[in-house]
C-alpha cells in the first residue's frame, strides 16, 4: 500500500489550511491571488503534496483573517512535524512502515482509548507475552529483531509511567483475550499480574467486556482511538495482517468514538474488571 510522504501532523496541517479557507467561504483563487501564488501551488499545500511551513501557514492565515493564536498553534505543529521520531533510532524492520503514523500520534497523545478482541493491548503486555506473539507472528524471527521490537514496546509503555503528564489510557479488553493461552500458563499468569499492576495507575483505566454479552458493537474489530496535539485532534488506527490503517477524517473517527462509548457502557466497571481478571488468574469460572 503506497504511503503519503507527509506525516500525520503535516497532513493535519494541510486539512486545517483547507478548513480555514472553507470556513471563510473563500475559493482557492481568492486566497492565492493576494499571495501572488498560483492556484495549483495553494492546492498542493491543502493536499499535503507540498509541506506547508511556518511562512506559508502565516501567509494563508493572514489573508483569511485567522486569529493569531490559531495561526501560532498551527506553526507549532509544523515545527513539531519536522522532529525525528524516537522509533527511527531502531533498525528499519523494528517498526513496520505503516505503523510509524500511529507511533507519531501515540507519542504526542494526551488520551489513548483501545479496544482489543483477541490480545491484551500492546501498552499492557508483559515482555514474555509480547515475545510469544512476536515469535509466532514473524517466521524465522532472529534474536536481534525480537529484541528490537521488544524495546520499541517498552519505549511505548514508558509513556504510562512518565513523571510529568503521563499518557491517559483507557483499555477495553474482551474477556476471551485474557483467556487465550499465549505463551503457556506461566506466561499468562505473569501477563494477568502485569495488567492488574497497570490498573493501579491513576492514569490507566481497564475494563473487561464479558463473554456473556454475546454480540457487541463493532464485533471482531479492535481499534485504537488517539487524541493528540494542541487542538485535540483525533485519529483511529486499525491493524491487520499486512498493513495498518490510520484514519483521520472526522466522519470516520466519530464512528469509532461512538462505538467505544457503547462498549464502555457494556463492559464491567474498572473495579469489577479487576476482580474478573483476578478470577481468571486463579482459574475460576
Protein backbone atom coordinates (compact mmCIF):
# COMPACT_ATOMS: atom_id res chain seq x y z
CA UNK A 1 0.00 0.00 0.00
CA UNK A 2 1.60 3.33 -1.00
CA UNK A 3 2.20 5.81 1.77
CA UNK A 4 1.98 9.58 1.57
CA UNK A 5 5.38 11.12 2.25
CA UNK A 6 3.72 13.67 4.53
CA UNK A 7 3.45 12.52 8.12
CA UNK A 8 0.33 12.66 10.28
CA UNK A 9 0.92 16.15 11.62
CA UNK A 10 1.74 17.53 8.18
CA UNK A 11 -1.46 16.07 6.78
CA UNK A 12 -3.31 17.61 9.72
CA UNK A 13 -1.83 21.00 8.79
CA UNK A 14 -2.98 20.58 5.19
CA UNK A 15 -6.54 19.79 6.25
CA UNK A 16 -6.58 22.74 8.63
CA UNK A 17 -5.47 25.13 5.87
CA UNK A 18 -8.27 23.79 3.68
CA UNK A 19 -10.79 24.06 6.52
CA UNK A 20 -9.72 27.65 7.24
CA UNK A 21 -10.44 28.62 3.65
CA UNK A 22 -13.77 26.84 3.51
CA UNK A 23 -14.89 28.32 6.82
CA UNK A 24 -14.43 31.78 5.29
CA UNK A 25 -16.31 30.82 2.13
CA UNK A 26 -13.25 31.63 0.02
CA UNK A 27 -12.20 29.97 -3.22
CA UNK A 28 -8.64 28.88 -3.86
CA UNK A 29 -8.38 31.68 -6.42
CA UNK A 30 -9.38 34.28 -3.82
CA UNK A 31 -6.67 33.11 -1.43
CA UNK A 32 -3.93 32.59 -4.00
CA UNK A 33 -4.27 35.93 -5.76
CA UNK A 34 -3.20 38.28 -2.90
CA UNK A 35 -0.31 35.93 -2.13
CA UNK A 36 0.82 36.02 -5.79
CA UNK A 37 0.62 32.24 -5.85
CA UNK A 38 -0.85 30.01 -8.49
CA UNK A 39 -3.96 28.03 -7.61
CA UNK A 40 -2.08 24.72 -8.07
CA UNK A 41 0.51 25.88 -5.53
CA UNK A 42 -2.17 26.54 -2.91
CA UNK A 43 -3.87 23.27 -3.79
CA UNK A 44 -0.64 21.36 -3.17
CA UNK A 45 -0.41 22.85 0.33
CA UNK A 46 -4.03 21.88 1.04
CA UNK A 47 -3.39 18.28 -0.09
CA UNK A 48 0.00 17.97 1.67
CA UNK A 49 1.63 17.24 -1.68
CA UNK A 50 3.88 20.15 -0.70
CA UNK A 51 4.53 20.58 3.01
CA UNK A 52 3.42 23.95 4.40
CA UNK A 53 5.96 25.56 6.71
CA UNK A 54 5.53 28.45 9.17
CA UNK A 55 5.82 31.11 6.45
CA UNK A 56 3.09 29.57 4.31
CA UNK A 57 0.82 28.99 7.32
CA UNK A 58 1.16 32.60 8.47
CA UNK A 59 0.62 33.92 4.93
CA UNK A 60 -2.53 31.90 4.32
CA UNK A 61 -3.87 32.60 7.82
CA UNK A 62 -3.28 36.35 7.42
CA UNK A 63 -5.10 36.53 4.08
CA UNK A 64 -8.04 34.64 5.59
CA UNK A 65 -8.12 36.70 8.79
CA UNK A 66 -7.42 33.70 11.04
CA UNK A 67 -6.75 34.76 14.67
CA UNK A 68 -3.08 34.94 15.57
CA UNK A 69 -3.45 32.35 18.34
CA UNK A 70 -4.82 29.80 15.85
CA UNK A 71 -2.05 30.56 13.38
CA UNK A 72 0.57 30.16 16.10
CA UNK A 73 -0.79 26.76 17.15
CA UNK A 74 -0.51 25.52 13.59
CA UNK A 75 3.01 26.93 13.30
CA UNK A 76 3.97 25.00 16.45
CA UNK A 77 2.52 21.84 14.90
CA UNK A 78 4.57 22.46 11.75
CA UNK A 79 7.75 22.75 13.81
CA UNK A 80 6.92 19.57 15.71
CA UNK A 81 6.25 17.71 12.47
CA UNK A 82 9.91 18.07 11.50
CA UNK A 83 11.21 16.32 14.61
CA UNK A 84 12.74 12.88 14.15
CA UNK A 85 10.72 10.18 15.90
CA UNK A 86 12.39 8.09 18.60
CA UNK A 87 11.47 4.95 16.64
CA UNK A 88 13.86 5.99 13.87
CA UNK A 89 16.79 5.14 16.15
CA UNK A 90 15.95 1.43 15.83
CA UNK A 91 16.77 -0.90 12.95
CA UNK A 92 14.40 -0.30 9.99
CA UNK A 93 12.43 -3.53 10.39
CA UNK A 94 11.81 -2.95 14.12
CA UNK A 95 8.87 -0.72 13.18
CA UNK A 96 6.68 -1.61 10.25
CA UNK A 97 6.50 1.39 7.92
CA UNK A 98 2.75 1.99 8.15
CA UNK A 99 2.95 1.77 11.96
CA UNK A 100 5.05 4.95 12.04
CA UNK A 101 1.90 7.04 11.55
CA UNK A 102 0.43 5.51 14.67
CA UNK A 103 3.61 5.88 16.74
CA UNK A 104 3.78 9.53 15.76
CA UNK A 105 0.37 10.31 17.21
CA UNK A 106 0.68 7.91 20.14
CA UNK A 107 3.86 9.71 21.19
CA UNK A 108 2.04 13.05 21.07
CA UNK A 109 -1.19 11.68 22.58
CA UNK A 110 -2.90 13.06 25.66
CA UNK A 111 -5.50 10.27 25.65
CA UNK A 112 -5.50 6.81 24.09
CA UNK A 113 -8.54 4.53 24.04
CA UNK A 114 -8.03 0.93 22.90
CA UNK A 115 -10.39 -1.94 22.26
CA UNK A 116 -8.90 -5.41 21.73
CA UNK A 117 -10.75 -8.61 20.97
CA UNK A 118 -8.07 -11.32 20.85
CA UNK A 119 -4.98 -9.91 22.54
CA UNK A 120 -4.03 -7.83 25.55
CA UNK A 121 -3.29 -4.32 24.17
CA UNK A 122 0.36 -3.56 23.49
CA UNK A 123 0.71 -0.97 26.24
CA UNK A 124 -0.39 -3.59 28.76
CA UNK A 125 1.69 -6.52 27.50
CA UNK A 126 4.42 -8.16 29.59
CA UNK A 127 7.74 -8.91 27.91
CA UNK A 128 7.16 -12.67 27.84
CA UNK A 129 3.65 -12.31 26.40
CA UNK A 130 4.86 -9.87 23.75
CA UNK A 131 7.79 -12.11 22.86
CA UNK A 132 5.47 -15.10 22.41
CA UNK A 133 3.37 -13.08 19.96
CA UNK A 134 6.42 -11.85 18.07
CA UNK A 135 7.86 -15.33 17.66
CA UNK A 136 4.52 -16.71 16.46
CA UNK A 137 3.94 -13.86 14.03
CA UNK A 138 7.36 -13.40 12.42
CA UNK A 139 8.62 -16.50 10.63
CA UNK A 140 12.24 -17.30 11.44
CA UNK A 141 12.46 -14.13 13.51
CA UNK A 142 16.04 -13.50 14.58
CA UNK A 143 17.01 -12.69 18.13
CA UNK A 144 18.05 -9.16 17.21
CA UNK A 145 14.72 -8.37 15.57
CA UNK A 146 12.74 -9.76 18.52
CA UNK A 147 14.90 -7.77 20.95
CA UNK A 148 14.45 -4.56 18.93
CA UNK A 149 10.67 -4.91 18.77
CA UNK A 150 10.50 -5.66 22.48
CA UNK A 151 12.48 -2.50 23.14
CA UNK A 152 10.10 -0.48 20.96
CA UNK A 153 7.21 -1.87 23.01
CA UNK A 154 8.91 -0.88 26.28
CA UNK A 155 9.56 2.60 24.91
CA UNK A 156 5.86 2.99 24.15
CA UNK A 157 4.84 1.68 27.58
CA UNK A 158 7.10 4.22 29.31
CA UNK A 159 4.55 6.93 28.47
CA UNK A 160 2.24 5.46 31.11
CA UNK A 161 4.87 5.90 33.83
CA UNK A 162 6.10 9.38 32.90
CA UNK A 163 6.54 11.53 35.99
CA UNK A 164 5.37 14.62 34.09
CA UNK A 165 1.96 14.41 32.43
CA UNK A 166 1.73 10.65 31.79
CA UNK A 167 -0.42 9.34 28.98
CA UNK A 168 -4.05 8.78 29.96
CA UNK A 169 -5.03 5.32 28.78
CA UNK A 170 -8.41 3.60 28.67
CA UNK A 171 -8.41 -0.01 27.50
CA UNK A 172 -11.41 -2.25 26.96
CA UNK A 173 -10.41 -5.90 26.59
CA UNK A 174 -12.74 -8.69 25.54
CA UNK A 175 -12.67 -11.41 28.20
CA UNK A 176 -11.62 -14.03 25.64
CA UNK A 177 -8.32 -12.19 25.12
CA UNK A 178 -7.49 -12.74 28.79
CA UNK A 179 -8.11 -16.48 28.49
CA UNK A 180 -6.24 -17.23 25.26
CA UNK A 181 -3.12 -19.15 26.42
CA UNK A 182 -0.46 -17.05 24.71
CA UNK A 183 2.94 -18.48 25.65
CA UNK A 184 1.51 -21.02 28.07
CA UNK A 185 0.13 -20.96 31.62
CA UNK A 186 3.02 -19.23 33.36
CA UNK A 187 3.30 -16.51 30.74
CA UNK A 188 -0.43 -15.83 31.04
CA UNK A 189 -0.27 -15.69 34.84
CA UNK A 190 2.53 -13.15 34.58
CA UNK A 191 0.54 -11.24 31.95
CA UNK A 192 -2.57 -11.02 34.10
CA UNK A 193 -0.45 -9.85 37.04
CA UNK A 194 1.02 -7.20 34.76
CA UNK A 195 -2.42 -5.93 33.76
CA UNK A 196 -3.57 -5.80 37.38
CA UNK A 197 -0.48 -3.78 38.30
CA UNK A 198 -1.22 -1.32 35.47
CA UNK A 199 -4.77 -0.96 36.79
CA UNK A 200 -3.30 0.62 39.93
CA UNK A 201 -2.05 3.63 37.96
CA UNK A 202 -4.34 6.64 38.24
CA UNK A 203 -3.92 7.43 34.54
CA UNK A 204 -4.90 3.92 33.40
CA UNK A 205 -8.45 2.55 33.18
CA UNK A 206 -9.06 -1.07 32.23
CA UNK A 207 -12.48 -2.59 31.56
CA UNK A 208 -13.32 -6.15 30.63
CA UNK A 209 -16.06 -6.86 28.10
CA UNK A 210 -17.53 -10.14 29.44
CA UNK A 211 -18.13 -13.09 27.16
CA UNK A 212 -21.76 -13.43 28.20
CA UNK A 213 -22.56 -10.12 26.46
CA UNK A 214 -22.56 -12.04 23.18
CA UNK A 215 -22.73 -9.74 20.16
CA UNK A 216 -21.44 -6.21 20.71
CA UNK A 217 -20.87 -3.03 18.66
CA UNK A 218 -18.03 -3.42 16.18
CA UNK A 219 -17.79 -7.12 16.91
CA UNK A 220 -14.46 -8.63 15.84
CA UNK A 221 -12.76 -5.27 15.25
CA UNK A 222 -10.02 -3.97 17.52
CA UNK A 223 -9.02 -0.33 17.24
CA UNK A 224 -7.07 2.47 18.91
CA UNK A 225 -8.61 5.94 19.23
CA UNK A 226 -5.99 8.65 19.77
CA UNK A 227 -6.42 12.25 20.94
CA UNK A 228 -3.33 14.38 20.37
CA UNK A 229 -1.91 17.81 19.58
CA UNK A 230 -2.77 21.34 20.73
CA UNK A 231 -6.18 21.24 19.04
CA UNK A 232 -7.23 17.86 20.43
CA UNK A 233 -7.15 16.17 17.04
CA UNK A 234 -8.33 12.57 16.88
CA UNK A 235 -7.39 9.60 14.76
CA UNK A 236 -8.02 5.86 14.68
CA UNK A 237 -5.53 3.08 14.00
CA UNK A 238 -6.64 -0.32 12.73
CA UNK A 239 -4.20 -3.20 12.41
CA UNK A 240 -4.32 -6.20 10.10
CA UNK A 241 -2.07 -8.92 8.75
CA UNK A 242 -0.04 -6.91 6.25
CA UNK A 243 -0.76 -3.24 6.81
CA UNK A 244 -2.18 -0.96 9.43
CA UNK A 245 -4.66 1.74 8.52
CA UNK A 246 -4.65 5.17 10.13
CA UNK A 247 -7.96 7.07 9.75
CA UNK A 248 -8.01 10.84 10.07
CA UNK A 249 -11.27 12.08 8.58
CA UNK A 250 -13.63 13.31 11.28
CA UNK A 251 -16.67 11.41 10.00
CA UNK A 252 -14.74 8.12 10.13
CA UNK A 253 -13.21 8.83 13.52
CA UNK A 254 -16.58 9.64 15.08
CA UNK A 255 -17.91 6.17 14.18
CA UNK A 256 -15.19 4.61 16.33
CA UNK A 257 -15.65 7.20 19.06
CA UNK A 258 -19.33 6.31 19.36
CA UNK A 259 -18.53 2.60 19.27
CA UNK A 260 -16.03 2.95 22.11
CA UNK A 261 -18.61 4.83 24.19
CA UNK A 262 -21.11 1.99 23.68
CA UNK A 263 -18.52 -0.64 24.56
CA UNK A 264 -17.63 1.28 27.72
CA UNK A 265 -21.28 1.09 28.80
CA UNK A 266 -21.45 -2.67 28.14
CA UNK A 267 -18.14 -3.57 29.81
CA UNK A 268 -17.66 -4.26 33.51
CA UNK A 269 -16.70 -1.19 35.50
CA UNK A 270 -12.98 -0.85 36.40
CA UNK A 271 -13.35 -2.36 39.87
CA UNK A 272 -15.40 -5.32 38.67
CA UNK A 273 -12.98 -5.74 35.78
CA UNK A 274 -10.02 -6.07 38.16
CA UNK A 275 -11.93 -8.69 40.11
CA UNK A 276 -12.70 -10.61 36.93
CA UNK A 277 -9.05 -10.53 35.85
CA UNK A 278 -8.07 -11.85 39.27
CA UNK A 279 -10.63 -14.66 38.94
CA UNK A 280 -9.25 -15.66 35.55
CA UNK A 281 -5.75 -15.61 37.07
CA UNK A 282 -6.90 -18.03 39.76
CA UNK A 283 -8.54 -20.30 37.17
CA UNK A 284 -12.05 -19.75 38.47
CA UNK A 285 -15.05 -19.90 36.10
